[in-house]
Structure formats: structure tokens, C-alpha cells
Amino acid sequence: MQKGGIPISEFSGSGATMAMHATLKTFITQSERQTDKLIKLTWAIVALTVVLVIGLAMQLWLAAQGCQL
């Protein structure tokens, strides 16, 4: 190759491959973080649903007993 030509990392594509690997690592890290947040939010929704079902069961029980608040 002549002096001042295309750098070997550009010519062989290894520079682009390294950049792609770095981008993929960043994407995977951010994706894992997002997945963890979604799992936590899902469990929060489950907990709130349980609270609502307990409240509904209490209301039904009170209605069946004929209680007035």
C-alpha cells in the first residue's frame, strides 16, 4: 500500500467492526436496564391489583353482611 493511503482499519473494516461491537455493548446494557425497570413496574402493578382485589372482596363481604358505613 502506498504511503498516505487508506488506513488498514478502514480498508479491512475492522474499525467499523469495533465500533459496531461498542454500539452493541451499549445497546445491550441499556436494554438490560430497561428490562429491569419493566419487571419492577410489572410487580408494582401486580401488588396494586392484589390490593384492589382485597378491597373488592371486603366490599362484597360487607354488602353480604348488610353493613352500612
N, C-alpha and C. Protein backbone atom coordinates (compact mmCIF):
# COMPACT_ATOMS: atom_id res chain seq x y z
N MET A 1 0.83 -1.17 0.00
CA MET A 1 0.00 0.00 0.00
C MET A 1 0.89 1.24 0.00
N GLN A 2 0.47 2.27 -0.64
CA GLN A 2 1.27 3.47 -0.71
C GLN A 2 1.10 4.32 0.55
N LYS A 3 2.11 5.14 0.77
CA LYS A 3 2.08 6.00 1.96
C LYS A 3 0.95 7.02 1.84
N GLY A 4 0.20 7.21 2.93
CA GLY A 4 -0.89 8.17 2.92
C GLY A 4 -2.17 7.60 2.34
N GLY A 5 -2.22 6.29 2.17
CA GLY A 5 -3.42 5.65 1.62
C GLY A 5 -4.47 5.42 2.70
N ILE A 6 -5.33 4.50 2.43
CA ILE A 6 -6.41 4.16 3.36
C ILE A 6 -5.83 3.41 4.56
N PRO A 7 -6.14 3.84 5.78
CA PRO A 7 -5.66 3.10 6.97
C PRO A 7 -6.19 1.67 6.95
N ILE A 8 -5.40 0.75 7.50
CA ILE A 8 -5.77 -0.66 7.46
C ILE A 8 -7.10 -0.93 8.17
N SER A 9 -7.39 -0.17 9.23
CA SER A 9 -8.66 -0.38 9.93
C SER A 9 -9.85 0.01 9.06
N GLU A 10 -9.64 0.99 8.20
CA GLU A 10 -10.70 1.41 7.28
C GLU A 10 -10.79 0.43 6.12
N PHE A 11 -9.63 0.00 5.64
CA PHE A 11 -9.58 -0.87 4.47
C PHE A 11 -10.18 -2.25 4.77
N SER A 12 -9.84 -2.80 5.94
CA SER A 12 -10.28 -4.15 6.27
C SER A 12 -11.67 -4.16 6.91
N GLY A 13 -12.13 -3.03 7.37
CA GLY A 13 -13.43 -2.96 8.02
C GLY A 13 -13.36 -3.24 9.51
N SER A 14 -12.16 -3.47 10.06
CA SER A 14 -12.05 -3.79 11.48
C SER A 14 -12.43 -2.60 12.36
N GLY A 15 -12.19 -1.38 11.87
CA GLY A 15 -12.60 -0.20 12.65
C GLY A 15 -14.11 -0.14 12.78
N ALA A 16 -14.81 -0.43 11.69
CA ALA A 16 -16.27 -0.44 11.72
C ALA A 16 -16.78 -1.58 12.58
N THR A 17 -16.09 -2.70 12.55
CA THR A 17 -16.49 -3.85 13.37
C THR A 17 -16.34 -3.52 14.85
N MET A 18 -15.24 -2.87 15.21
CA MET A 18 -15.04 -2.48 16.61
C MET A 18 -16.09 -1.46 17.05
N ALA A 19 -16.42 -0.53 16.17
CA ALA A 19 -17.45 0.46 16.50
C ALA A 19 -18.81 -0.22 16.68
N MET A 20 -19.09 -1.21 15.83
CA MET A 20 -20.35 -1.94 15.95
C MET A 20 -20.41 -2.71 17.26
N HIS A 21 -19.30 -3.34 17.66
CA HIS A 21 -19.26 -4.06 18.92
C HIS A 21 -19.49 -3.12 20.10
N ALA A 22 -18.88 -1.96 20.06
CA ALA A 22 -19.07 -0.98 21.14
C ALA A 22 -20.53 -0.52 21.19
N THR A 23 -21.12 -0.29 20.03
CA THR A 23 -22.53 0.12 19.98
C THR A 23 -23.44 -0.98 20.51
N LEU A 24 -23.14 -2.22 20.14
CA LEU A 24 -23.95 -3.35 20.63
C LEU A 24 -23.84 -3.51 22.14
N LYS A 25 -22.64 -3.32 22.69
CA LYS A 25 -22.47 -3.41 24.15
C LYS A 25 -23.30 -2.33 24.84
N THR A 26 -23.28 -1.13 24.31
CA THR A 26 -24.07 -0.04 24.88
C THR A 26 -25.56 -0.37 24.80
N PHE A 27 -25.99 -0.87 23.65
CA PHE A 27 -27.40 -1.23 23.47
C PHE A 27 -27.83 -2.31 24.44
N ILE A 28 -27.00 -3.33 24.59
CA ILE A 28 -27.33 -4.44 25.49
C ILE A 28 -27.43 -3.95 26.93
N THR A 29 -26.51 -3.08 27.34
CA THR A 29 -26.54 -2.54 28.70
C THR A 29 -27.83 -1.74 28.94
N GLN A 30 -28.18 -0.88 28.01
CA GLN A 30 -29.39 -0.08 28.15
C GLN A 30 -30.63 -0.96 28.09
N SER A 31 -30.61 -1.98 27.28
CA SER A 31 -31.74 -2.90 27.17
C SER A 31 -31.94 -3.66 28.47
N GLU A 32 -30.85 -4.10 29.09
CA GLU A 32 -30.94 -4.80 30.37
C GLU A 32 -31.52 -3.88 31.45
N ARG A 33 -31.09 -2.63 31.45
CA ARG A 33 -31.61 -1.66 32.42
C ARG A 33 -33.11 -1.46 32.23
N GLN A 34 -33.52 -1.34 30.97
CA GLN A 34 -34.93 -1.14 30.67
C GLN A 34 -35.74 -2.36 31.07
N THR A 35 -35.21 -3.55 30.84
CA THR A 35 -35.90 -4.78 31.22
C THR A 35 -36.08 -4.84 32.73
N ASP A 36 -35.04 -4.50 33.48
CA ASP A 36 -35.15 -4.49 34.94
C ASP A 36 -36.24 -3.54 35.42
N LYS A 37 -36.31 -2.35 34.81
CA LYS A 37 -37.34 -1.38 35.19
C LYS A 37 -38.73 -1.91 34.86
N LEU A 38 -38.89 -2.55 33.71
CA LEU A 38 -40.19 -3.09 33.33
C LEU A 38 -40.62 -4.21 34.26
N ILE A 39 -39.68 -5.03 34.70
CA ILE A 39 -40.01 -6.10 35.64
C ILE A 39 -40.47 -5.50 36.96
N LYS A 40 -39.78 -4.47 37.45
CA LYS A 40 -40.19 -3.81 38.69
C LYS A 40 -41.58 -3.19 38.56
N LEU A 41 -41.82 -2.54 37.43
CA LEU A 41 -43.14 -1.94 37.21
C LEU A 41 -44.23 -3.01 37.13
N THR A 42 -43.92 -4.14 36.53
CA THR A 42 -44.89 -5.23 36.45
C THR A 42 -45.24 -5.73 37.85
N TRP A 43 -44.24 -5.90 38.71
CA TRP A 43 -44.53 -6.34 40.08
C TRP A 43 -45.31 -5.28 40.86
N ALA A 44 -45.06 -4.02 40.59
CA ALA A 44 -45.83 -2.96 41.24
C ALA A 44 -47.29 -3.05 40.81
N ILE A 45 -47.53 -3.31 39.54
CA ILE A 45 -48.91 -3.45 39.04
C ILE A 45 -49.58 -4.67 39.69
N VAL A 46 -48.82 -5.75 39.84
CA VAL A 46 -49.36 -6.95 40.50
C VAL A 46 -49.76 -6.62 41.94
N ALA A 47 -48.89 -5.91 42.65
CA ALA A 47 -49.18 -5.56 44.04
C ALA A 47 -50.44 -4.68 44.13
N LEU A 48 -50.54 -3.69 43.25
CA LEU A 48 -51.72 -2.82 43.27
C LEU A 48 -52.99 -3.59 42.91
N THR A 49 -52.88 -4.55 42.00
CA THR A 49 -54.03 -5.37 41.63
C THR A 49 -54.49 -6.20 42.83
N VAL A 50 -53.55 -6.74 43.57
CA VAL A 50 -53.89 -7.52 44.77
C VAL A 50 -54.61 -6.64 45.78
N VAL A 51 -54.11 -5.43 45.98
CA VAL A 51 -54.76 -4.51 46.91
C VAL A 51 -56.19 -4.22 46.46
N LEU A 52 -56.39 -3.99 45.17
CA LEU A 52 -57.73 -3.72 44.65
C LEU A 52 -58.65 -4.92 44.83
N VAL A 53 -58.14 -6.12 44.61
CA VAL A 53 -58.97 -7.33 44.77
C VAL A 53 -59.34 -7.51 46.23
N ILE A 54 -58.41 -7.24 47.13
CA ILE A 54 -58.72 -7.34 48.57
C ILE A 54 -59.80 -6.32 48.94
N GLY A 55 -59.69 -5.10 48.42
CA GLY A 55 -60.71 -4.08 48.69
C GLY A 55 -62.06 -4.49 48.13
N LEU A 56 -62.09 -5.06 46.96
CA LEU A 56 -63.34 -5.53 46.37
C LEU A 56 -63.94 -6.66 47.20
N ALA A 57 -63.11 -7.58 47.64
CA ALA A 57 -63.60 -8.69 48.47
C ALA A 57 -64.18 -8.17 49.78
N MET A 58 -63.53 -7.16 50.36
CA MET A 58 -64.06 -6.58 51.61
C MET A 58 -65.41 -5.91 51.35
N GLN A 59 -65.54 -5.20 50.24
CA GLN A 59 -66.81 -4.55 49.92
C GLN A 59 -67.91 -5.57 49.70
N LEU A 60 -67.60 -6.64 49.00
CA LEU A 60 -68.60 -7.69 48.78
C LEU A 60 -68.99 -8.36 50.10
N TRP A 61 -68.02 -8.60 50.95
CA TRP A 61 -68.30 -9.22 52.25
C TRP A 61 -69.19 -8.30 53.10
N LEU A 62 -68.85 -7.01 53.11
CA LEU A 62 -69.65 -6.05 53.88
C LEU A 62 -71.08 -5.95 53.30
N ALA A 63 -71.20 -5.98 52.00
CA ALA A 63 -72.54 -5.91 51.37
C ALA A 63 -73.34 -7.16 51.71
N ALA A 64 -72.67 -8.31 51.73
CA ALA A 64 -73.36 -9.55 52.06
C ALA A 64 -73.78 -9.57 53.52
N GLN A 65 -73.07 -8.90 54.40
CA GLN A 65 -73.40 -8.84 55.82
C GLN A 65 -74.49 -7.80 56.09
N GLY A 66 -74.72 -6.96 55.12
CA GLY A 66 -75.73 -5.93 55.29
C GLY A 66 -75.25 -4.74 56.12
N CYS A 67 -73.97 -4.57 56.19
CA CYS A 67 -73.40 -3.47 56.98
C CYS A 67 -73.48 -2.17 56.19
N GLN A 68 -73.71 -1.08 56.93
CA GLN A 68 -73.70 0.24 56.33
C GLN A 68 -72.65 1.07 57.05
N LEU A 69 -71.84 1.73 56.27
CA LEU A 69 -70.78 2.56 56.88
C LEU A 69 -71.19 4.00 56.94
